[in-house]
Amino acid sequence: MSMAEQTAGSRILIFAGGLCGGTGVALSAAAAHLGGAFVGTAASFLLMHAPVFLTVGLLGGYRILRTGSLILLVGLLLFSGDLLARDFLGSRLFPMSAPIGGTLLIGGWLVMAASALVHPRRH
């Protein structure tokens, strides 16, 4: 991976971390004031994953670590997006979107854990 590609990936993760954090805070307030069974859960997931994206984005990380964080991001978008669609739109994103997102979240964390067991390469 070229330095430009790595920098772009880092910027995407930093952007995602900031966006997840800000959205998580806003949704926490919405859950407190407006209710909604799924809004609070989505807010918690966004807030708990925001530091991961910021950390990997700021530190760079190895390819497998960046890959794990991108898998987390896709899973988080599907999982939280489905929960928010249920409360705000009254329907799901698509059938099985939350379970697929949850499975990707689990997989992303396992990929990140596996990154500690492989020989580090920055390429």
N, C-alpha and C. Protein backbone atom coordinates (compact mmCIF):
# COMPACT_ATOMS: atom_id res chain seq x y z
N MET A 1 0.85 -1.17 0.00
CA MET A 1 0.00 0.00 0.00
C MET A 1 0.90 1.23 0.00
N SER A 2 0.59 2.17 -0.89
CA SER A 2 1.40 3.37 -0.97
C SER A 2 1.11 4.27 0.23
N MET A 3 1.99 5.23 0.45
CA MET A 3 1.82 6.16 1.56
C MET A 3 0.54 6.98 1.36
N ALA A 4 0.23 7.34 0.12
CA ALA A 4 -0.99 8.11 -0.15
C ALA A 4 -2.23 7.28 0.18
N GLU A 5 -2.22 6.00 -0.17
CA GLU A 5 -3.35 5.13 0.13
C GLU A 5 -3.49 4.93 1.63
N GLN A 6 -2.37 4.78 2.32
CA GLN A 6 -2.41 4.60 3.77
C GLN A 6 -2.93 5.87 4.44
N THR A 7 -2.49 7.03 3.95
CA THR A 7 -2.96 8.29 4.51
C THR A 7 -4.45 8.47 4.28
N ALA A 8 -4.92 8.11 3.08
CA ALA A 8 -6.36 8.21 2.79
C ALA A 8 -7.15 7.28 3.71
N GLY A 9 -6.66 6.05 3.91
CA GLY A 9 -7.33 5.13 4.81
C GLY A 9 -7.36 5.65 6.23
N SER A 10 -6.27 6.26 6.67
CA SER A 10 -6.22 6.83 8.01
C SER A 10 -7.21 7.98 8.15
N ARG A 11 -7.29 8.81 7.13
CA ARG A 11 -8.22 9.95 7.16
C ARG A 11 -9.67 9.47 7.21
N ILE A 12 -9.96 8.40 6.46
CA ILE A 12 -11.32 7.85 6.48
C ILE A 12 -11.67 7.35 7.87
N LEU A 13 -10.71 6.65 8.51
CA LEU A 13 -10.98 6.13 9.85
C LEU A 13 -11.12 7.25 10.88
N ILE A 14 -10.30 8.29 10.77
CA ILE A 14 -10.41 9.42 11.69
C ILE A 14 -11.76 10.12 11.49
N PHE A 15 -12.15 10.32 10.22
CA PHE A 15 -13.45 10.90 9.92
C PHE A 15 -14.57 10.04 10.50
N ALA A 16 -14.49 8.74 10.29
CA ALA A 16 -15.51 7.82 10.81
C ALA A 16 -15.58 7.88 12.33
N GLY A 17 -14.42 7.95 12.99
CA GLY A 17 -14.40 8.04 14.45
C GLY A 17 -15.08 9.29 14.95
N GLY A 18 -14.76 10.42 14.33
CA GLY A 18 -15.39 11.68 14.74
C GLY A 18 -16.88 11.68 14.47
N LEU A 19 -17.27 11.15 13.32
CA LEU A 19 -18.68 11.10 12.96
C LEU A 19 -19.45 10.15 13.88
N CYS A 20 -18.86 9.00 14.19
CA CYS A 20 -19.50 8.05 15.11
C CYS A 20 -19.65 8.67 16.50
N GLY A 21 -18.61 9.36 16.96
CA GLY A 21 -18.67 9.98 18.28
C GLY A 21 -19.74 11.06 18.35
N GLY A 22 -19.73 11.96 17.38
CA GLY A 22 -20.73 13.03 17.37
C GLY A 22 -22.14 12.51 17.22
N THR A 23 -22.33 11.56 16.33
CA THR A 23 -23.65 10.98 16.12
C THR A 23 -24.10 10.21 17.36
N GLY A 24 -23.16 9.52 17.99
CA GLY A 24 -23.49 8.78 19.20
C GLY A 24 -23.98 9.68 20.32
N VAL A 25 -23.33 10.84 20.47
CA VAL A 25 -23.76 11.79 21.50
C VAL A 25 -25.14 12.35 21.16
N ALA A 26 -25.34 12.72 19.90
CA ALA A 26 -26.63 13.27 19.48
C ALA A 26 -27.75 12.23 19.67
N LEU A 27 -27.46 10.99 19.31
CA LEU A 27 -28.48 9.95 19.46
C LEU A 27 -28.73 9.60 20.93
N SER A 28 -27.71 9.73 21.77
CA SER A 28 -27.92 9.53 23.21
C SER A 28 -28.89 10.56 23.76
N ALA A 29 -28.73 11.81 23.32
CA ALA A 29 -29.65 12.87 23.73
C ALA A 29 -31.05 12.60 23.20
N ALA A 30 -31.14 12.17 21.94
CA ALA A 30 -32.45 11.87 21.36
C ALA A 30 -33.12 10.74 22.12
N ALA A 31 -32.36 9.72 22.48
CA ALA A 31 -32.93 8.60 23.22
C ALA A 31 -33.44 9.05 24.58
N ALA A 32 -32.70 9.96 25.23
CA ALA A 32 -33.11 10.43 26.55
C ALA A 32 -34.37 11.30 26.48
N HIS A 33 -34.49 12.09 25.41
CA HIS A 33 -35.61 13.03 25.32
C HIS A 33 -36.80 12.50 24.53
N LEU A 34 -36.53 11.68 23.53
CA LEU A 34 -37.60 11.21 22.66
C LEU A 34 -37.96 9.75 22.85
N GLY A 35 -37.07 9.02 23.47
CA GLY A 35 -37.30 7.58 23.63
C GLY A 35 -36.89 6.84 22.37
N GLY A 36 -37.45 5.70 22.18
CA GLY A 36 -37.09 4.87 21.03
C GLY A 36 -36.24 3.72 21.52
N ALA A 37 -36.77 2.53 21.38
CA ALA A 37 -36.11 1.35 21.93
C ALA A 37 -34.73 1.10 21.36
N PHE A 38 -34.56 1.42 20.08
CA PHE A 38 -33.31 1.07 19.43
C PHE A 38 -32.31 2.22 19.35
N VAL A 39 -32.77 3.44 19.53
CA VAL A 39 -31.88 4.61 19.40
C VAL A 39 -30.76 4.56 20.42
N GLY A 40 -31.09 4.24 21.67
CA GLY A 40 -30.07 4.18 22.71
C GLY A 40 -29.02 3.11 22.44
N THR A 41 -29.47 1.97 21.92
CA THR A 41 -28.53 0.89 21.59
C THR A 41 -27.60 1.33 20.47
N ALA A 42 -28.16 1.93 19.42
CA ALA A 42 -27.34 2.42 18.30
C ALA A 42 -26.34 3.46 18.80
N ALA A 43 -26.79 4.36 19.67
CA ALA A 43 -25.91 5.39 20.21
C ALA A 43 -24.75 4.76 20.98
N SER A 44 -25.04 3.78 21.80
CA SER A 44 -23.99 3.11 22.58
C SER A 44 -22.97 2.45 21.66
N PHE A 45 -23.44 1.77 20.63
CA PHE A 45 -22.52 1.11 19.70
C PHE A 45 -21.66 2.12 18.96
N LEU A 46 -22.24 3.22 18.55
CA LEU A 46 -21.46 4.25 17.87
C LEU A 46 -20.39 4.83 18.80
N LEU A 47 -20.79 5.12 20.03
CA LEU A 47 -19.84 5.70 20.98
C LEU A 47 -18.72 4.72 21.36
N MET A 48 -19.05 3.45 21.50
CA MET A 48 -18.01 2.50 21.93
C MET A 48 -17.02 2.18 20.81
N HIS A 49 -17.42 2.38 19.54
CA HIS A 49 -16.51 2.08 18.44
C HIS A 49 -15.76 3.31 17.94
N ALA A 50 -16.22 4.50 18.24
CA ALA A 50 -15.55 5.72 17.77
C ALA A 50 -14.06 5.77 18.16
N PRO A 51 -13.69 5.45 19.41
CA PRO A 51 -12.26 5.49 19.76
C PRO A 51 -11.41 4.50 18.98
N VAL A 52 -11.99 3.39 18.56
CA VAL A 52 -11.24 2.41 17.77
C VAL A 52 -10.82 3.03 16.45
N PHE A 53 -11.78 3.65 15.77
CA PHE A 53 -11.49 4.25 14.47
C PHE A 53 -10.48 5.38 14.61
N LEU A 54 -10.64 6.20 15.63
CA LEU A 54 -9.68 7.30 15.85
C LEU A 54 -8.28 6.76 16.12
N THR A 55 -8.18 5.76 16.97
CA THR A 55 -6.88 5.21 17.33
C THR A 55 -6.17 4.59 16.14
N VAL A 56 -6.87 3.73 15.42
CA VAL A 56 -6.24 3.09 14.26
C VAL A 56 -5.91 4.14 13.20
N GLY A 57 -6.80 5.10 13.01
CA GLY A 57 -6.54 6.15 12.04
C GLY A 57 -5.35 7.01 12.40
N LEU A 58 -5.22 7.36 13.66
CA LEU A 58 -4.12 8.23 14.10
C LEU A 58 -2.79 7.48 14.17
N LEU A 59 -2.82 6.22 14.58
CA LEU A 59 -1.58 5.46 14.71
C LEU A 59 -1.17 4.76 13.42
N GLY A 60 -2.07 4.71 12.46
CA GLY A 60 -1.75 4.03 11.21
C GLY A 60 -2.08 2.56 11.30
N GLY A 61 -1.35 1.85 12.07
CA GLY A 61 -1.62 0.43 12.24
C GLY A 61 -1.17 -0.39 11.05
N TYR A 62 -1.15 -1.66 11.24
CA TYR A 62 -0.77 -2.57 10.19
C TYR A 62 -1.98 -2.90 9.33
N ARG A 63 -1.73 -3.46 8.17
CA ARG A 63 -2.80 -3.74 7.20
C ARG A 63 -3.92 -4.56 7.83
N ILE A 64 -3.59 -5.61 8.56
CA ILE A 64 -4.65 -6.45 9.13
C ILE A 64 -5.45 -5.68 10.18
N LEU A 65 -4.81 -4.79 10.91
CA LEU A 65 -5.51 -3.97 11.89
C LEU A 65 -6.44 -2.98 11.19
N ARG A 66 -5.97 -2.36 10.12
CA ARG A 66 -6.82 -1.45 9.35
C ARG A 66 -7.98 -2.21 8.72
N THR A 67 -7.71 -3.40 8.23
CA THR A 67 -8.77 -4.22 7.64
C THR A 67 -9.84 -4.55 8.68
N GLY A 68 -9.40 -4.94 9.86
CA GLY A 68 -10.35 -5.23 10.94
C GLY A 68 -11.20 -4.02 11.29
N SER A 69 -10.58 -2.85 11.31
CA SER A 69 -11.35 -1.65 11.65
C SER A 69 -12.33 -1.29 10.55
N LEU A 70 -11.99 -1.55 9.31
CA LEU A 70 -12.94 -1.29 8.21
C LEU A 70 -14.10 -2.28 8.24
N ILE A 71 -13.83 -3.52 8.62
CA ILE A 71 -14.91 -4.50 8.80
C ILE A 71 -15.83 -4.04 9.93
N LEU A 72 -15.24 -3.53 11.01
CA LEU A 72 -16.04 -2.98 12.11
C LEU A 72 -16.92 -1.85 11.61
N LEU A 73 -16.37 -0.98 10.80
CA LEU A 73 -17.12 0.18 10.31
C LEU A 73 -18.33 -0.26 9.48
N VAL A 74 -18.14 -1.19 8.59
CA VAL A 74 -19.26 -1.68 7.77
C VAL A 74 -20.31 -2.35 8.67
N GLY A 75 -19.85 -3.17 9.60
CA GLY A 75 -20.78 -3.82 10.53
C GLY A 75 -21.55 -2.81 11.36
N LEU A 76 -20.86 -1.78 11.82
CA LEU A 76 -21.50 -0.76 12.64
C LEU A 76 -22.54 0.01 11.84
N LEU A 77 -22.23 0.32 10.59
CA LEU A 77 -23.19 1.02 9.74
C LEU A 77 -24.45 0.17 9.51
N LEU A 78 -24.27 -1.10 9.25
CA LEU A 78 -25.43 -1.97 9.04
C LEU A 78 -26.23 -2.17 10.32
N PHE A 79 -25.54 -2.47 11.41
CA PHE A 79 -26.22 -2.75 12.67
C PHE A 79 -26.95 -1.52 13.19
N SER A 80 -26.23 -0.43 13.35
CA SER A 80 -26.84 0.79 13.88
C SER A 80 -27.84 1.38 12.90
N GLY A 81 -27.51 1.32 11.62
CA GLY A 81 -28.43 1.85 10.62
C GLY A 81 -29.77 1.12 10.65
N ASP A 82 -29.74 -0.19 10.82
CA ASP A 82 -30.98 -0.95 10.89
C ASP A 82 -31.78 -0.58 12.13
N LEU A 83 -31.10 -0.47 13.26
CA LEU A 83 -31.81 -0.10 14.49
C LEU A 83 -32.44 1.28 14.38
N LEU A 84 -31.70 2.22 13.80
CA LEU A 84 -32.24 3.58 13.64
C LEU A 84 -33.38 3.61 12.64
N ALA A 85 -33.27 2.85 11.57
CA ALA A 85 -34.36 2.79 10.58
C ALA A 85 -35.63 2.25 11.23
N ARG A 86 -35.48 1.29 12.12
CA ARG A 86 -36.66 0.73 12.79
C ARG A 86 -37.39 1.79 13.61
N ASP A 87 -36.62 2.61 14.36
CA ASP A 87 -37.25 3.62 15.20
C ASP A 87 -37.72 4.84 14.39
N PHE A 88 -36.91 5.31 13.46
CA PHE A 88 -37.24 6.55 12.76
C PHE A 88 -38.08 6.35 11.50
N LEU A 89 -37.92 5.22 10.84
CA LEU A 89 -38.65 4.98 9.59
C LEU A 89 -39.75 3.94 9.73
N GLY A 90 -39.69 3.17 10.81
CA GLY A 90 -40.68 2.13 11.02
C GLY A 90 -40.44 0.88 10.21
N SER A 91 -39.28 0.75 9.60
CA SER A 91 -38.95 -0.45 8.83
C SER A 91 -37.45 -0.70 8.91
N ARG A 92 -37.05 -1.86 8.45
CA ARG A 92 -35.63 -2.24 8.48
C ARG A 92 -34.93 -1.70 7.24
N LEU A 93 -33.60 -1.66 7.32
CA LEU A 93 -32.82 -1.31 6.12
C LEU A 93 -33.09 -2.34 5.03
N PHE A 94 -32.89 -3.60 5.36
CA PHE A 94 -33.21 -4.75 4.52
C PHE A 94 -33.21 -5.97 5.43
N PRO A 95 -33.85 -7.05 5.01
CA PRO A 95 -33.90 -8.24 5.87
C PRO A 95 -32.49 -8.70 6.27
N MET A 96 -32.33 -8.99 7.52
CA MET A 96 -31.08 -9.51 8.08
C MET A 96 -29.96 -8.48 8.17
N SER A 97 -30.25 -7.19 8.00
CA SER A 97 -29.17 -6.21 8.06
C SER A 97 -28.54 -6.10 9.45
N ALA A 98 -29.34 -6.12 10.51
CA ALA A 98 -28.77 -6.07 11.86
C ALA A 98 -27.95 -7.33 12.18
N PRO A 99 -28.46 -8.52 11.91
CA PRO A 99 -27.63 -9.71 12.18
C PRO A 99 -26.35 -9.75 11.34
N ILE A 100 -26.43 -9.33 10.09
CA ILE A 100 -25.22 -9.28 9.26
C ILE A 100 -24.24 -8.27 9.83
N GLY A 101 -24.77 -7.10 10.22
CA GLY A 101 -23.92 -6.08 10.82
C GLY A 101 -23.29 -6.56 12.12
N GLY A 102 -24.07 -7.23 12.95
CA GLY A 102 -23.54 -7.76 14.21
C GLY A 102 -22.47 -8.81 13.98
N THR A 103 -22.68 -9.66 12.98
CA THR A 103 -21.68 -10.68 12.65
C THR A 103 -20.39 -10.03 12.16
N LEU A 104 -20.53 -8.97 11.35
CA LEU A 104 -19.34 -8.24 10.88
C LEU A 104 -18.62 -7.56 12.05
N LEU A 105 -19.38 -7.05 13.02
CA LEU A 105 -18.75 -6.45 14.21
C LEU A 105 -17.92 -7.50 14.95
N ILE A 106 -18.49 -8.65 15.17
CA ILE A 106 -17.75 -9.72 15.84
C ILE A 106 -16.52 -10.10 15.02
N GLY A 107 -16.70 -10.28 13.72
CA GLY A 107 -15.58 -10.63 12.84
C GLY A 107 -14.50 -9.57 12.82
N GLY A 108 -14.90 -8.31 12.79
CA GLY A 108 -13.91 -7.22 12.81
C GLY A 108 -13.07 -7.24 14.07
N TRP A 109 -13.72 -7.45 15.21
CA TRP A 109 -12.96 -7.54 16.46
C TRP A 109 -12.01 -8.73 16.45
N LEU A 110 -12.44 -9.85 15.90
CA LEU A 110 -11.57 -11.04 15.84
C LEU A 110 -10.40 -10.81 14.89
N VAL A 111 -10.62 -10.11 13.78
CA VAL A 111 -9.51 -9.77 12.88
C VAL A 111 -8.52 -8.86 13.60
N MET A 112 -9.03 -7.91 14.36
CA MET A 112 -8.13 -7.01 15.10
C MET A 112 -7.33 -7.81 16.14
N ALA A 113 -7.98 -8.76 16.80
CA ALA A 113 -7.26 -9.60 17.77
C ALA A 113 -6.19 -10.43 17.06
N ALA A 114 -6.54 -10.96 15.89
CA ALA A 114 -5.59 -11.77 15.12
C ALA A 114 -4.38 -10.95 14.67
N SER A 115 -4.58 -9.65 14.51
CA SER A 115 -3.47 -8.81 14.06
C SER A 115 -2.30 -8.83 15.05
N ALA A 116 -2.58 -9.15 16.30
CA ALA A 116 -1.52 -9.24 17.31
C ALA A 116 -0.71 -10.51 17.16
N LEU A 117 -1.23 -11.49 16.43
CA LEU A 117 -0.59 -12.79 16.33
C LEU A 117 0.23 -12.99 15.04
N VAL A 118 0.10 -12.05 14.11
CA VAL A 118 0.82 -12.18 12.84
C VAL A 118 2.00 -11.23 12.83
N HIS A 119 2.97 -11.57 12.00
CA HIS A 119 4.16 -10.74 11.86
C HIS A 119 3.74 -9.39 11.29
N PRO A 120 4.07 -8.28 11.98
CA PRO A 120 3.64 -6.98 11.50
C PRO A 120 4.32 -6.58 10.18
N ARG A 121 3.47 -6.16 9.25
CA ARG A 121 3.94 -5.61 7.98
C ARG A 121 3.14 -4.35 7.74
N ARG A 122 3.79 -3.32 7.32
CA ARG A 122 3.11 -2.04 7.06
C ARG A 122 2.58 -1.95 5.64
N HIS A 123 2.88 -2.89 4.78
CA HIS A 123 2.50 -2.76 3.38
C HIS A 123 1.05 -3.03 3.17
